[in-house]
Amino acid sequence: MQLEINVVDAFTDTVFKGNSAAVIITDNWLSDELMQSIAMENNLSETAFLVADESSNDESINKDTYHIRWFSPLTEIDFCGHATLASAFVLFSKNPDLAVIKFVAKAVGVLTIVQTDNGKIRMDFPNKKPEKVGVIPENLSAGLSITPVEVYRNSQAYFVIYPSEADVLSIVRDNEKLKQLAPLDVVVTCQSESENYDFISRYFWPANGGDEDPVTGSAHTGLAPLWAERLHKNELRAYQASRRGGVLDCVVAGDRVFISGHAVQYLTGFITV
């Protein structure tokens, strides 16, 4: 069986930057085992699998709606922002007349995606603002080279706030200790010292993806409302300071967080399974 595969760099307008995701569209779901094997073979942060919605015979209702699932090389992921952006980029490229795409995912419901006039893709996500942690887990403190003092958490990760960019950029982690925090990952963040951004972050996920994620859209559904409250503003620009780097525009609006970014095609081809 041959399957078309697209690899897209998300949250960047430059190839080899941002976060790469593979996108595979099929008529029906492949087996979980096969999807996990493909994601492991791709060895990207995520591989997204899409199946068009066929719940009605009315094509006008369903032609823009897809069910989506995300797999890291290690496991299926409940929610992935950059692979959602990559998937929307592929669908908009294939269907230039589409104005809106809807993705249906078990853990986060219906996600509405729009291509904006400035070429960015805007995603409508649930607000996942984290809550402050009273007792900092021992493995979190031991797993980071700079002792956390202010820590928050949501259903995805622990959010460690540091006072300076030097802290965020120089942090050294012990992946074996951070693995013990599973299923939660770890975000380190601070207010940006550059006027170009409001805050910066890095994302570590040894329990779910491997090491450091280049750009993590889902984490910004927690980061954006956290920094919106601290900075007293609802529109923020974020930079994820990985080796590849990525830029995210965020708008916090009640129980929703809108995250926008560019994407660029890297590869189109076929895999044989």
Protein backbone atom coordinates (compact mmCIF):
# COMPACT_ATOMS: atom_id res chain seq x y z
CA MET A 1 0.00 0.00 0.00
CA GLN A 2 1.27 3.44 -0.95
CA LEU A 3 0.36 6.53 1.04
CA GLU A 4 1.03 10.16 0.16
CA ILE A 5 3.06 11.94 2.81
CA ASN A 6 3.70 15.65 3.21
CA VAL A 7 6.32 17.07 5.58
CA VAL A 8 5.75 20.68 6.60
CA ASP A 9 7.81 23.03 8.77
CA ALA A 10 5.34 24.79 11.07
CA PHE A 11 5.52 28.15 12.85
CA THR A 12 8.09 29.43 10.38
CA ASP A 13 8.29 30.78 6.84
CA THR A 14 11.76 29.30 6.34
CA VAL A 15 12.57 25.67 5.53
CA PHE A 16 14.65 23.93 8.23
CA LYS A 17 13.21 26.17 10.95
CA GLY A 18 10.14 25.77 13.14
CA ASN A 19 8.83 22.28 13.89
CA SER A 20 8.46 19.57 11.26
CA ALA A 21 5.34 17.44 11.05
CA ALA A 22 4.31 14.72 8.64
CA VAL A 23 0.74 14.71 7.34
CA ILE A 24 -0.97 11.60 5.94
CA ILE A 25 -4.56 11.67 4.65
CA THR A 26 -6.40 8.34 4.28
CA ASP A 27 -9.95 7.28 3.38
CA ASN A 28 -10.23 5.19 6.55
CA TRP A 29 -8.19 4.87 9.73
CA LEU A 30 -5.11 2.73 9.57
CA SER A 31 -4.57 0.44 12.54
CA ASP A 32 -3.15 2.06 15.66
CA GLU A 33 -0.10 -0.17 15.39
CA LEU A 34 0.58 0.90 11.80
CA MET A 35 0.14 4.60 12.56
CA GLN A 36 2.54 4.31 15.49
CA SER A 37 5.07 2.44 13.34
CA ILE A 38 4.89 5.11 10.63
CA ALA A 39 5.40 7.86 13.21
CA MET A 40 8.37 5.99 14.65
CA GLU A 41 9.87 5.56 11.19
CA ASN A 42 9.32 9.25 10.35
CA ASN A 43 11.04 10.19 13.62
CA LEU A 44 9.54 13.70 13.62
CA SER A 45 7.95 15.40 16.59
CA GLU A 46 4.56 14.33 15.25
CA THR A 47 2.88 12.60 12.38
CA ALA A 48 -0.74 13.67 11.87
CA PHE A 49 -3.28 11.29 10.33
CA LEU A 50 -6.45 12.72 8.77
CA VAL A 51 -9.69 11.06 7.68
CA ALA A 52 -12.43 13.10 6.01
CA ASP A 53 -15.72 13.27 7.90
CA GLU A 54 -18.40 11.19 6.21
CA SER A 55 -21.15 11.43 8.80
CA SER A 56 -23.58 12.92 6.27
CA ASN A 57 -24.25 12.50 2.57
CA ASP A 58 -24.36 16.29 2.21
CA GLU A 59 -20.91 17.15 0.83
CA SER A 60 -21.44 20.84 1.56
CA ILE A 61 -21.40 20.02 5.28
CA ASN A 62 -18.43 17.71 5.41
CA LYS A 63 -15.99 18.71 2.71
CA ASP A 64 -14.12 20.94 5.16
CA THR A 65 -14.22 18.62 8.19
CA TYR A 66 -11.59 16.02 9.08
CA HIS A 67 -10.95 13.78 12.02
CA ILE A 68 -7.36 14.09 13.21
CA ARG A 69 -4.99 12.03 15.34
CA TRP A 70 -1.40 12.80 16.30
CA PHE A 71 1.46 10.37 16.97
CA SER A 72 4.94 11.12 18.29
CA PRO A 73 7.67 8.52 17.70
CA LEU A 74 6.79 7.11 21.13
CA THR A 75 3.05 7.37 21.60
CA GLU A 76 -0.25 8.85 20.47
CA ILE A 77 -0.67 12.47 21.63
CA ASP A 78 -3.98 13.97 22.83
CA PHE A 79 -3.35 17.37 21.24
CA CYS A 80 -0.67 18.82 18.96
CA GLY A 81 -0.64 22.40 17.69
CA HIS A 82 2.17 22.40 15.14
CA ALA A 83 0.94 19.24 13.39
CA THR A 84 -2.54 20.79 13.27
CA LEU A 85 -1.00 23.82 11.55
CA ALA A 86 0.88 21.55 9.15
CA SER A 87 -2.29 19.57 8.38
CA ALA A 88 -4.27 22.72 7.67
CA PHE A 89 -1.47 23.99 5.44
CA VAL A 90 -1.64 20.78 3.36
CA LEU A 91 -5.43 20.92 3.05
CA PHE A 92 -5.50 24.63 2.14
CA SER A 93 -2.79 23.95 -0.48
CA LYS A 94 -4.79 21.08 -1.98
CA ASN A 95 -8.11 22.99 -1.84
CA PRO A 96 -7.50 26.69 -2.59
CA ASP A 97 -11.24 27.47 -2.42
CA LEU A 98 -11.49 26.40 1.22
CA ALA A 99 -11.81 29.29 3.65
CA VAL A 100 -12.25 27.29 6.86
CA ILE A 101 -11.23 23.82 7.98
CA LYS A 102 -12.56 21.96 10.99
CA PHE A 103 -10.66 19.21 12.75
CA VAL A 104 -12.37 16.84 15.14
CA ALA A 105 -10.20 15.33 17.89
CA LYS A 106 -11.30 13.19 20.82
CA ALA A 107 -9.49 15.10 23.56
CA VAL A 108 -10.07 18.71 22.42
CA GLY A 109 -13.29 18.61 20.39
CA VAL A 110 -13.77 20.65 17.22
CA LEU A 111 -10.88 22.91 16.15
CA THR A 112 -11.67 25.65 13.62
CA ILE A 113 -8.79 26.71 11.36
CA VAL A 114 -8.74 29.79 9.12
CA GLN A 115 -6.21 31.01 6.55
CA THR A 116 -5.75 34.74 7.11
CA ASP A 117 -5.13 37.47 4.54
CA ASN A 118 -1.50 37.82 5.63
CA GLY A 119 -0.79 34.19 4.79
CA LYS A 120 -0.77 32.90 8.35
CA ILE A 121 -2.99 30.08 9.53
CA ARG A 122 -5.08 30.84 12.64
CA MET A 123 -6.15 28.01 14.93
CA ASP A 124 -8.94 28.17 17.51
CA PHE A 125 -7.94 26.12 20.56
CA PRO A 126 -9.36 25.63 24.06
CA ASN A 127 -7.86 27.76 26.83
CA LYS A 128 -5.64 25.48 28.94
CA LYS A 129 -4.46 28.02 31.50
CA PRO A 130 -2.34 26.26 34.16
CA GLU A 131 -2.83 26.57 37.90
CA LYS A 132 -0.10 27.30 40.43
CA VAL A 133 1.47 24.28 42.10
CA GLY A 134 1.69 24.31 45.88
CA VAL A 135 4.27 21.54 46.22
CA ILE A 136 6.91 21.29 43.48
CA PRO A 137 7.58 17.64 42.56
CA GLU A 138 11.01 16.39 43.58
CA ASN A 139 11.74 15.00 40.11
CA LEU A 140 10.98 18.39 38.57
CA SER A 141 13.44 20.15 40.88
CA ALA A 142 16.06 17.45 40.42
CA GLY A 143 15.51 17.30 36.66
CA LEU A 144 16.38 20.94 35.98
CA SER A 145 19.77 22.55 36.56
CA ILE A 146 18.16 25.73 37.91
CA THR A 147 15.86 25.04 40.84
CA PRO A 148 12.24 25.95 40.06
CA VAL A 149 10.61 28.43 42.43
CA GLU A 150 7.38 29.33 40.60
CA VAL A 151 5.61 26.40 38.95
CA TYR A 152 2.19 25.96 37.33
CA ARG A 153 0.55 22.93 35.73
CA ASN A 154 -2.30 21.94 33.45
CA SER A 155 -3.32 18.61 31.97
CA GLN A 156 -0.34 18.65 29.58
CA ALA A 157 2.71 19.94 31.43
CA TYR A 158 4.43 21.69 34.29
CA PHE A 159 5.21 25.36 33.54
CA VAL A 160 8.33 26.69 35.24
CA ILE A 161 8.70 30.48 35.25
CA TYR A 162 12.23 31.84 35.45
CA PRO A 163 13.32 35.47 35.95
CA SER A 164 15.59 35.80 32.91
CA GLU A 165 16.22 34.64 29.37
CA ALA A 166 19.66 33.44 30.47
CA ASP A 167 17.97 30.92 32.74
CA VAL A 168 15.65 29.61 30.02
CA LEU A 169 18.37 29.45 27.38
CA SER A 170 21.00 27.79 29.59
CA ILE A 171 18.85 25.26 31.41
CA VAL A 172 20.20 21.72 31.48
CA ARG A 173 17.76 18.89 32.14
CA ASP A 174 18.02 15.32 33.34
CA ASN A 175 15.67 13.44 31.02
CA GLU A 176 15.58 10.35 33.22
CA LYS A 177 14.21 12.38 36.12
CA LEU A 178 11.79 14.33 33.94
CA LYS A 179 10.46 11.04 32.58
CA GLN A 180 9.21 10.28 36.09
CA LEU A 181 6.74 13.16 35.74
CA ALA A 182 4.83 11.27 33.02
CA PRO A 183 2.32 11.80 31.61
CA LEU A 184 3.19 15.49 32.10
CA ASP A 185 5.90 17.30 30.15
CA VAL A 186 7.89 20.39 31.19
CA VAL A 187 7.82 23.98 29.89
CA VAL A 188 10.37 26.58 30.98
CA THR A 189 9.49 30.19 30.23
CA CYS A 190 10.21 33.84 31.03
CA GLN A 191 9.21 37.30 29.91
CA SER A 192 11.10 38.25 26.78
CA GLU A 193 13.95 40.71 27.08
CA SER A 194 13.51 41.59 23.40
CA GLU A 195 10.89 44.07 22.26
CA ASN A 196 10.06 41.67 19.41
CA TYR A 197 8.35 39.15 21.70
CA ASP A 198 6.31 39.12 24.90
CA PHE A 199 7.62 35.81 26.26
CA ILE A 200 9.90 32.94 25.30
CA SER A 201 9.84 29.26 26.20
CA ARG A 202 11.36 25.82 25.74
CA TYR A 203 9.55 22.48 25.92
CA PHE A 204 10.93 19.17 27.18
CA TRP A 205 9.01 15.92 26.72
CA PRO A 206 11.19 12.87 27.36
CA ALA A 207 8.15 10.88 28.52
CA ASN A 208 6.09 11.46 25.37
CA GLY A 209 8.26 12.56 22.47
CA GLY A 210 11.96 12.13 23.16
CA ASP A 211 13.87 15.25 24.15
CA GLU A 212 13.25 18.93 23.34
CA ASP A 213 10.35 19.83 21.05
CA PRO A 214 11.28 22.56 18.53
CA VAL A 215 7.95 24.47 18.64
CA THR A 216 4.92 23.39 20.65
CA GLY A 217 1.61 24.97 19.66
CA SER A 218 -0.41 23.09 22.29
CA ALA A 219 1.79 24.39 25.11
CA HIS A 220 0.87 27.94 24.14
CA THR A 221 -2.76 27.28 25.02
CA GLY A 222 -1.36 27.33 28.56
CA LEU A 223 1.49 29.81 28.10
CA ALA A 224 -0.59 32.51 26.39
CA PRO A 225 -3.26 32.83 29.13
CA LEU A 226 -0.56 32.61 31.81
CA TRP A 227 1.40 35.50 30.32
CA ALA A 228 -1.74 37.42 29.33
CA GLU A 229 -2.62 37.63 33.01
CA ARG A 230 0.92 38.55 34.10
CA LEU A 231 1.46 41.15 31.36
CA HIS A 232 -2.12 42.50 31.34
CA LYS A 233 -2.58 42.05 27.60
CA ASN A 234 -4.52 39.55 25.49
CA GLU A 235 -2.51 39.75 22.27
CA LEU A 236 0.98 38.31 22.58
CA ARG A 237 3.85 37.27 20.34
CA ALA A 238 5.88 34.30 21.51
CA TYR A 239 9.19 32.76 20.56
CA GLN A 240 10.06 29.15 21.31
CA ALA A 241 13.81 29.20 21.78
CA SER A 242 14.81 25.77 20.54
CA ARG A 243 17.69 25.21 18.15
CA ARG A 244 15.26 25.56 15.20
CA GLY A 245 13.09 28.25 16.80
CA GLY A 246 9.55 29.29 15.99
CA VAL A 247 7.21 32.29 16.25
CA LEU A 248 3.60 32.13 17.46
CA ASP A 249 1.03 34.93 17.55
CA CYS A 250 -1.47 34.35 20.37
CA VAL A 251 -4.80 35.94 21.27
CA VAL A 252 -6.53 35.01 24.51
CA ALA A 253 -10.32 35.35 24.27
CA GLY A 254 -12.20 33.91 27.22
CA ASP A 255 -12.17 30.13 27.11
CA ARG A 256 -10.42 30.09 23.71
CA VAL A 257 -6.86 30.79 22.60
CA PHE A 258 -6.20 31.71 18.97
CA ILE A 259 -2.72 30.76 17.78
CA SER A 260 -1.42 31.82 14.37
CA GLY A 261 1.71 31.03 12.42
CA HIS A 262 3.27 30.46 9.04
CA ALA A 263 4.14 27.09 7.54
CA VAL A 264 6.30 26.00 4.62
CA GLN A 265 6.41 22.81 2.55
CA TYR A 266 9.52 20.67 2.85
CA LEU A 267 8.63 17.34 1.24
CA THR A 268 5.89 15.63 -0.74
CA GLY A 269 6.19 11.95 -1.57
CA PHE A 270 4.92 8.43 -1.01
CA ILE A 271 5.61 5.80 1.58
CA THR A 272 5.09 2.07 1.05
CA VAL A 273 3.71 0.07 3.96
